Amino acid sequence: MTRREEPDLGKLIEWVLGIAEARHRAWVSGDPDPYGLPPPDDLPGATR
């Protein structure tokens, strides 16, 4: 493993968006969150 001075921003964004997409797909289909996280508090009416 090579340590970088600065993180690879593109990879970080790809990783975060992948997690968000997986959580959204699970929420829409009524499945539990794949990471075991609750929905965001500021999401009105998002309780499922």
N, C-alpha and C. Protein backbone atom coordinates (compact mmCIF):
# COMPACT_ATOMS: atom_id res chain seq x y z
N MET A 1 0.85 -1.18 0.00
CA MET A 1 0.00 0.00 0.00
C MET A 1 0.89 1.23 0.00
N THR A 2 0.53 2.19 -0.82
CA THR A 2 1.27 3.45 -0.89
C THR A 2 0.48 4.53 -0.20
N ARG A 3 1.11 5.26 0.65
CA ARG A 3 0.44 6.36 1.35
C ARG A 3 0.59 7.63 0.52
N ARG A 4 -0.50 8.33 0.35
CA ARG A 4 -0.50 9.56 -0.44
C ARG A 4 -0.54 10.77 0.48
N GLU A 5 0.01 11.87 -0.02
CA GLU A 5 -0.06 13.14 0.73
C GLU A 5 -1.52 13.60 0.83
N GLU A 6 -2.23 13.53 -0.28
CA GLU A 6 -3.63 13.94 -0.32
C GLU A 6 -4.48 12.75 -0.75
N PRO A 7 -5.68 12.63 -0.21
CA PRO A 7 -6.54 11.51 -0.61
C PRO A 7 -6.99 11.67 -2.07
N ASP A 8 -7.26 10.55 -2.71
CA ASP A 8 -7.77 10.56 -4.08
C ASP A 8 -9.25 10.96 -4.00
N LEU A 9 -9.53 12.21 -4.27
CA LEU A 9 -10.88 12.74 -4.11
C LEU A 9 -11.89 12.01 -4.99
N GLY A 10 -11.50 11.65 -6.19
CA GLY A 10 -12.41 10.93 -7.08
C GLY A 10 -12.84 9.59 -6.50
N LYS A 11 -11.90 8.85 -5.93
CA LYS A 11 -12.21 7.55 -5.32
C LYS A 11 -13.10 7.74 -4.09
N LEU A 12 -12.81 8.77 -3.30
CA LEU A 12 -13.61 9.04 -2.11
C LEU A 12 -15.05 9.37 -2.49
N ILE A 13 -15.23 10.20 -3.49
CA ILE A 13 -16.58 10.55 -3.94
C ILE A 13 -17.30 9.32 -4.48
N GLU A 14 -16.60 8.50 -5.26
CA GLU A 14 -17.20 7.28 -5.80
C GLU A 14 -17.65 6.35 -4.67
N TRP A 15 -16.82 6.23 -3.63
CA TRP A 15 -17.14 5.37 -2.49
C TRP A 15 -18.38 5.88 -1.74
N VAL A 16 -18.43 7.18 -1.47
CA VAL A 16 -19.55 7.76 -0.73
C VAL A 16 -20.85 7.66 -1.54
N LEU A 17 -20.78 7.94 -2.84
CA LEU A 17 -21.98 7.84 -3.67
C LEU A 17 -22.46 6.40 -3.80
N GLY A 18 -21.54 5.46 -3.80
CA GLY A 18 -21.93 4.05 -3.85
C GLY A 18 -22.69 3.64 -2.60
N ILE A 19 -22.22 4.10 -1.45
CA ILE A 19 -22.92 3.81 -0.19
C ILE A 19 -24.30 4.46 -0.20
N ALA A 20 -24.38 5.71 -0.63
CA ALA A 20 -25.67 6.41 -0.66
C ALA A 20 -26.63 5.72 -1.60
N GLU A 21 -26.15 5.28 -2.75
CA GLU A 21 -27.01 4.60 -3.71
C GLU A 21 -27.53 3.27 -3.16
N ALA A 22 -26.67 2.51 -2.52
CA ALA A 22 -27.09 1.23 -1.94
C ALA A 22 -28.13 1.45 -0.85
N ARG A 23 -27.93 2.47 -0.02
CA ARG A 23 -28.90 2.76 1.04
C ARG A 23 -30.24 3.20 0.45
N HIS A 24 -30.19 4.02 -0.60
CA HIS A 24 -31.42 4.51 -1.22
C HIS A 24 -32.19 3.36 -1.87
N ARG A 25 -31.49 2.48 -2.59
CA ARG A 25 -32.15 1.34 -3.22
C ARG A 25 -32.83 0.47 -2.17
N ALA A 26 -32.17 0.23 -1.05
CA ALA A 26 -32.77 -0.58 0.01
C ALA A 26 -33.99 0.11 0.59
N TRP A 27 -33.89 1.43 0.81
CA TRP A 27 -35.01 2.17 1.38
C TRP A 27 -36.21 2.15 0.45
N VAL A 28 -35.99 2.36 -0.85
CA VAL A 28 -37.09 2.38 -1.82
C VAL A 28 -37.78 1.02 -1.90
N SER A 29 -37.00 -0.05 -1.83
CA SER A 29 -37.58 -1.39 -1.94
C SER A 29 -38.13 -1.89 -0.60
N GLY A 30 -37.96 -1.12 0.46
CA GLY A 30 -38.48 -1.51 1.76
C GLY A 30 -37.58 -2.48 2.52
N ASP A 31 -36.37 -2.68 2.03
CA ASP A 31 -35.41 -3.56 2.69
C ASP A 31 -34.68 -2.80 3.80
N PRO A 32 -34.10 -3.52 4.76
CA PRO A 32 -33.32 -2.84 5.80
C PRO A 32 -32.06 -2.22 5.21
N ASP A 33 -31.57 -1.21 5.88
CA ASP A 33 -30.35 -0.53 5.43
C ASP A 33 -29.20 -1.54 5.38
N PRO A 34 -28.47 -1.62 4.26
CA PRO A 34 -27.40 -2.61 4.16
C PRO A 34 -26.25 -2.36 5.12
N TYR A 35 -26.17 -1.17 5.67
CA TYR A 35 -25.09 -0.82 6.61
C TYR A 35 -25.60 -0.73 8.04
N GLY A 36 -26.89 -1.01 8.25
CA GLY A 36 -27.46 -0.98 9.59
C GLY A 36 -27.64 0.41 10.16
N LEU A 37 -27.72 1.42 9.29
CA LEU A 37 -27.85 2.80 9.74
C LEU A 37 -29.31 3.25 9.68
N PRO A 38 -29.73 4.14 10.58
CA PRO A 38 -31.08 4.68 10.50
C PRO A 38 -31.15 5.73 9.40
N PRO A 39 -32.37 6.07 8.92
CA PRO A 39 -32.48 7.16 7.94
C PRO A 39 -32.04 8.48 8.57
N PRO A 40 -31.62 9.45 7.78
CA PRO A 40 -31.22 10.75 8.31
C PRO A 40 -32.36 11.40 9.09
N ASP A 41 -32.02 12.10 10.16
CA ASP A 41 -33.03 12.77 11.00
C ASP A 41 -33.77 13.87 10.25
N ASP A 42 -33.09 14.53 9.31
CA ASP A 42 -33.70 15.67 8.63
C ASP A 42 -34.50 15.26 7.40
N LEU A 43 -34.85 13.99 7.28
CA LEU A 43 -35.64 13.50 6.17
C LEU A 43 -37.10 13.43 6.63
N PRO A 44 -37.90 14.44 6.31
CA PRO A 44 -39.29 14.47 6.80
C PRO A 44 -40.12 13.33 6.23
N GLY A 45 -40.83 12.66 7.10
CA GLY A 45 -41.73 11.60 6.66
C GLY A 45 -41.02 10.39 6.07
N ALA A 46 -39.79 10.17 6.43
CA ALA A 46 -39.03 9.10 5.81
C ALA A 46 -39.03 7.83 6.65
N THR A 47 -39.88 7.78 7.65
CA THR A 47 -39.90 6.56 8.47
C THR A 47 -40.56 5.44 7.70
N ARG A 48 -39.92 4.32 7.66
CA ARG A 48 -40.46 3.14 6.98
C ARG A 48 -40.36 1.98 7.89
